[in-house]
C-alpha atoms as a PDB file:
ATOM      1  CA  MET A   1      33.361 123.677-105.929  1.00  0.00           C
ATOM      2  CA  ASN A   2      30.447 122.037-104.310  1.00  0.00           C
ATOM      3  CA  PRO A   3      29.674 118.502-105.823  1.00  0.00           C
ATOM      4  CA  ASP A   4      25.968 119.335-105.105  1.00  0.00           C
ATOM      5  CA  ARG A   5      26.003 122.607-107.105  1.00  0.00           C
ATOM      6  CA  ALA A   6      27.685 121.185-110.156  1.00  0.00           C
ATOM      7  CA  GLU A   7      26.319 122.573-113.492  1.00  0.00           C
ATOM      8  CA  TRP A   8      27.350 119.610-115.111  1.00  0.00           C
ATOM      9  CA  ARG A   9      28.639 115.980-114.098  1.00  0.00           C
ATOM     10  CA  GLU A  10      29.607 112.298-116.033  1.00  0.00           C
ATOM     11  CA  THR A  11      31.810 109.292-114.704  1.00  0.00           C
ATOM     12  CA  VAL A  12      34.228 108.405-117.569  1.00  0.00           C
ATOM     13  CA  HIS A  13      36.589 105.371-118.110  1.00  0.00           C
ATOM     14  CA  ALA A  14      39.995 107.393-117.637  1.00  0.00           C
ATOM     15  CA  THR A  15      42.824 108.080-115.292  1.00  0.00           C
ATOM     16  CA  ALA A  16      43.485 111.562-113.356  1.00  0.00           C
ATOM     17  CA  ILE A  17      46.639 112.506-111.628  1.00  0.00           C
ATOM     18  CA  VAL A  18      47.713 115.733-110.538  1.00  0.00           C
ATOM     19  CA  LEU A  19      51.259 116.976-111.252  1.00  0.00           C
ATOM     20  CA  GLY A  20      52.041 120.103-109.533  1.00  0.00           C
ATOM     21  CA  GLU A  21      49.263 122.231-109.973  1.00  0.00           C
ATOM     22  CA  VAL A  22      47.616 120.520-112.814  1.00  0.00           C
ATOM     23  CA  GLY A  23      45.258 118.367-112.942  1.00  0.00           C
ATOM     24  CA  ILE A  24      45.361 115.822-116.071  1.00  0.00           C
ATOM     25  CA  LEU A  25      42.893 113.634-117.322  1.00  0.00           C
ATOM     26  CA  ILE A  26      44.144 110.475-118.562  1.00  0.00           C
ATOM     27  CA  ARG A  27      42.139 108.770-121.596  1.00  0.00           C
ATOM     28  CA  GLY A  28      42.701 105.683-124.128  1.00  0.00           C
ATOM     29  CA  GLU A  29      41.294 101.833-124.723  1.00  0.00           C
ATOM     30  CA  PRO A  30      40.987  99.375-121.927  1.00  0.00           C
ATOM     31  CA  GLY A  31      44.494  98.025-121.546  1.00  0.00           C
ATOM     32  CA  SER A  32      45.889 100.981-123.428  1.00  0.00           C
ATOM     33  CA  GLY A  33      48.429 102.200-120.625  1.00  0.00           C
ATOM     34  CA  LYS A  34      46.569 104.957-118.704  1.00  0.00           C
ATOM     35  CA  THR A  35      47.520 103.735-115.368  1.00  0.00           C
ATOM     36  CA  ALA A  36      51.048 103.045-116.299  1.00  0.00           C
ATOM     37  CA  LEU A  37      51.469 106.431-117.553  1.00  0.00           C
ATOM     38  CA  ALA A  38      49.814 107.930-114.639  1.00  0.00           C
ATOM     39  CA  ARG A  39      52.444 105.554-112.468  1.00  0.00           C
ATOM     40  CA  ASP A  40      55.392 107.307-114.262  1.00  0.00           C
ATOM     41  CA  LEU A  41      54.794 110.779-114.411  1.00  0.00           C
ATOM     42  CA  ILE A  42      53.887 110.216-110.329  1.00  0.00           C
ATOM     43  CA  GLY A  43      57.043 108.349-110.001  1.00  0.00           C
ATOM     44  CA  ARG A  44      59.104 111.133-111.953  1.00  0.00           C
ATOM     45  CA  ARG A  45      57.841 114.136-110.491  1.00  0.00           C
ATOM     46  CA  GLN A  46      58.032 113.039-106.905  1.00  0.00           C
ATOM     47  CA  ALA A  47      61.508 111.853-108.063  1.00  0.00           C
ATOM     48  CA  ALA A  48      62.194 115.141-108.614  1.00  0.00           C
ATOM     49  CA  GLY A  49      60.880 116.727-105.394  1.00  0.00           C
ATOM     50  CA  GLY A  50      57.909 117.849-106.802  1.00  0.00           C
ATOM     51  CA  PHE A  51      54.047 117.602-105.985  1.00  0.00           C
ATOM     52  CA  ALA A  52      51.939 114.459-107.392  1.00  0.00           C
ATOM     53  CA  ARG A  53      49.378 112.802-106.411  1.00  0.00           C
ATOM     54  CA  LEU A  54      46.543 110.178-107.969  1.00  0.00           C
ATOM     55  CA  VAL A  55      43.209 111.430-108.104  1.00  0.00           C
ATOM     56  CA  CYS A  56      41.235 107.884-109.281  1.00  0.00           C
ATOM     57  CA  ASP A  57      42.261 105.091-111.532  1.00  0.00           C
ATOM     58  CA  ASP A  58      39.740 103.477-113.855  1.00  0.00           C
ATOM     59  CA  ARG A  59      36.691 105.618-113.497  1.00  0.00           C
ATOM     60  CA  VAL A  60      36.814 109.651-113.296  1.00  0.00           C
ATOM     61  CA  ARG A  61      33.682 111.425-111.925  1.00  0.00           C
ATOM     62  CA  LEU A  62      33.557 114.617-114.175  1.00  0.00           C
ATOM     63  CA  GLU A  63      31.913 118.008-112.837  1.00  0.00           C
ATOM     64  CA  LYS A  64      31.597 121.498-114.542  1.00  0.00           C
ATOM     65  CA  GLY A  65      31.199 124.492-111.973  1.00  0.00           C
ATOM     66  CA  GLY A  66      32.231 128.058-112.485  1.00  0.00           C
ATOM     67  CA  GLY A  67      33.846 127.505-115.747  1.00  0.00           C
ATOM     68  CA  ARG A  68      36.184 124.743-114.658  1.00  0.00           C
ATOM     69  CA  LEU A  69      36.337 121.201-115.218  1.00  0.00           C
ATOM     70  CA  VAL A  70      36.895 119.022-111.829  1.00  0.00           C
ATOM     71  CA  ALA A  71      38.153 115.303-111.504  1.00  0.00           C
ATOM     72  CA  ARG A  72      36.458 113.538-108.336  1.00  0.00           C
ATOM     73  CA  ALA A  73      37.794 110.146-107.178  1.00  0.00           C
ATOM     74  CA  VAL A  74      34.860 107.465-107.087  1.00  0.00           C
ATOM     75  CA  ALA A  75      34.229 106.591-103.873  1.00  0.00           C
ATOM     76  CA  PRO A  76      34.028 102.732-104.213  1.00  0.00           C
ATOM     77  CA  ILE A  77      37.561 102.905-106.341  1.00  0.00           C
ATOM     78  CA  ALA A  78      39.247 105.900-104.391  1.00  0.00           C
ATOM     79  CA  GLY A  79      43.173 105.487-103.430  1.00  0.00           C
ATOM     80  CA  LEU A  80      43.073 102.446-105.490  1.00  0.00           C
ATOM     81  CA  VAL A  81      45.424 101.529-108.421  1.00  0.00           C
ATOM     82  CA  GLU A  82      45.405  98.338-110.702  1.00  0.00           C
ATOM     83  CA  ILE A  83      49.185  97.321-111.312  1.00  0.00           C
ATOM     84  CA  ARG A  84      48.828  94.910-114.253  1.00  0.00           C
ATOM     85  CA  GLY A  85      50.385  91.229-112.679  1.00  0.00           C
ATOM     86  CA  ILE A  86      50.151  92.410-109.416  1.00  0.00           C
ATOM     87  CA  GLY A  87      46.712  93.501-108.829  1.00  0.00           C
ATOM     88  CA  ILE A  88      44.691  96.119-107.000  1.00  0.00           C
ATOM     89  CA  VAL A  89      46.812  98.115-104.293  1.00  0.00           C
ATOM     90  CA  PRO A  90      46.497 101.341-102.367  1.00  0.00           C
ATOM     91  CA  ALA A  91      48.074 104.646-103.392  1.00  0.00           C
ATOM     92  CA  ALA A  92      48.059 108.140-102.114  1.00  0.00           C
ATOM     93  CA  HIS A  93      45.389 109.941-103.613  1.00  0.00           C
ATOM     94  CA  LEU A  94      43.706 113.282-103.825  1.00  0.00           C
ATOM     95  CA  ASP A  95      39.761 113.833-103.993  1.00  0.00           C
ATOM     96  CA  ALA A  96      39.875 115.938-106.389  1.00  0.00           C
ATOM     97  CA  ALA A  97      41.762 117.995-108.950  1.00  0.00           C
ATOM     98  CA  VAL A  98      40.721 120.921-111.524  1.00  0.00           C
ATOM     99  CA  LEU A  99      41.703 119.789-114.683  1.00  0.00           C
ATOM    100  CA  ARG A 100      44.232 121.867-117.277  1.00  0.00           C
ATOM    101  CA  LEU A 101      45.074 118.964-119.566  1.00  0.00           C
ATOM    102  CA  ILE A 102      43.614 116.376-121.386  1.00  0.00           C
ATOM    103  CA  VAL A 103      45.801 113.262-122.445  1.00  0.00           C
ATOM    104  CA  ASP A 104      44.723 110.849-124.831  1.00  0.00           C
ATOM    105  CA  ILE A 105      46.606 107.257-125.469  1.00  0.00           C
ATOM    106  CA  ASP A 106      46.122 106.962-128.995  1.00  0.00           C
ATOM    107  CA  PRO A 107      48.763 104.290-131.006  1.00  0.00           C
ATOM    108  CA  GLY A 108      47.578 105.812-134.161  1.00  0.00           C
ATOM    109  CA  SER A 109      48.120 109.824-132.961  1.00  0.00           C
ATOM    110  CA  ALA A 110      49.664 111.992-135.563  1.00  0.00           C
ATOM    111  CA  ARG A 111      53.481 112.602-134.785  1.00  0.00           C
ATOM    112  CA  LEU A 112      52.954 116.598-136.280  1.00  0.00           C
ATOM    113  CA  PRO A 113      49.182 117.277-135.107  1.00  0.00           C
ATOM    114  CA  GLU A 114      47.737 120.053-137.447  1.00  0.00           C
ATOM    115  CA  GLY A 115      46.826 123.295-135.831  1.00  0.00           C
ATOM    116  CA  ALA A 116      45.992 123.959-132.012  1.00  0.00           C
ATOM    117  CA  VAL A 117      44.340 120.986-130.314  1.00  0.00           C
ATOM    118  CA  SER A 118      42.131 121.167-127.413  1.00  0.00           C
ATOM    119  CA  VAL A 119      38.470 119.111-126.840  1.00  0.00           C
ATOM    120  CA  ALA A 120      35.385 120.174-124.850  1.00  0.00           C
ATOM    121  CA  LEU A 121      34.485 118.474-121.768  1.00  0.00           C
ATOM    122  CA  GLY A 122      30.657 119.570-120.398  1.00  0.00           C
ATOM    123  CA  GLY A 123      31.246 122.692-122.252  1.00  0.00           C
ATOM    124  CA  VAL A 124      34.926 123.107-120.820  1.00  0.00           C
ATOM    125  CA  GLU A 125      37.460 123.571-123.564  1.00  0.00           C
ATOM    126  CA  LEU A 126      40.629 122.316-122.315  1.00  0.00           C
ATOM    127  CA  PRO A 127      44.205 121.623-124.194  1.00  0.00           C
ATOM    128  CA  ARG A 128      44.597 117.879-125.618  1.00  0.00           C
ATOM    129  CA  ILE A 129      47.863 116.268-126.373  1.00  0.00           C
ATOM    130  CA  ALA A 130      47.593 112.599-128.031  1.00  0.00           C
ATOM    131  CA  VAL A 131      50.527 110.334-126.933  1.00  0.00           C
ATOM    132  CA  ASN A 132      51.329 107.035-128.542  1.00  0.00           C
ATOM    133  CA  GLY A 133      51.322 105.022-125.282  1.00  0.00           C
ATOM    134  CA  PRO A 134      52.205 104.518-121.967  1.00  0.00           C
ATOM    135  CA  LEU A 135      55.615 105.293-122.250  1.00  0.00           C
ATOM    136  CA  SER A 136      55.391 108.845-123.393  1.00  0.00           C
ATOM    137  CA  ALA A 137      55.798 110.848-120.205  1.00  0.00           C
ATOM    138  CA  SER A 138      58.218 113.064-121.360  1.00  0.00           C
ATOM    139  CA  VAL A 139      56.072 114.369-123.692  1.00  0.00           C
ATOM    140  CA  VAL A 140      53.275 115.073-120.868  1.00  0.00           C
ATOM    141  CA  GLU A 141      55.780 116.553-118.843  1.00  0.00           C
ATOM    142  CA  TRP A 142      56.861 118.867-121.357  1.00  0.00           C
ATOM    143  CA  ALA A 143      53.134 120.245-121.765  1.00  0.00           C
ATOM    144  CA  VAL A 144      52.659 120.447-118.228  1.00  0.00           C
ATOM    145  CA  ARG A 145      56.116 122.279-117.358  1.00  0.00           C
ATOM    146  CA  GLY A 146      55.249 124.940-119.655  1.00  0.00           C
ATOM    147  CA  ASN A 147      51.686 124.752-118.863  1.00  0.00           C
ATOM    148  CA  ASP A 148      51.125 125.648-122.613  1.00  0.00           C
ATOM    149  CA  VAL A 149      50.173 123.187-125.207  1.00  0.00           C
ATOM    150  CA  THR A 150      49.544 125.245-128.069  1.00  0.00           C
ATOM    151  CA  VAL A 151      50.612 123.361-131.258  1.00  0.00           C
ATOM    152  CA  VAL A 152      53.180 124.911-134.038  1.00  0.00           C
ATOM    153  CA  THR A 153      52.841 122.907-136.876  1.00  0.00           C
ATOM    154  CA  VAL A 154      56.565 123.219-139.251  1.00  0.00           C
ATOM    155  CA  ARG A 155      55.861 122.442-142.868  1.00  0.00           C
END
């Protein structure tokens, strides 16, 4: 998608990554562990021989076009990632990725959510999962592996 032809755009406080072909937007409060979760997911995928890259850390430009939501790196911070206790360091990154999953870090998230969960951003409906914190990589990997985050509630 040509960024000049975007139907909608917004810059958000989040981290965007790609695992395989799945673009993921990780949202959460400052200090919630967005970057730590992103680094863990990227490291785990690469260690298993798969493709994974950062798109952008801390600020992400979202653009809607052709019914898809694209995450773009923000120029001043493209290719940089903050590692708590170390500082801001360079990281391999992509300029953009089509988003297919939203991950919200929410310490108060329900253990078993009620019904299917999705969120609309810029008019594009995407699957959404909520995780308790940055140590939730296995939950996100499960969602990406099947690329189907339809929720079944067991009562």
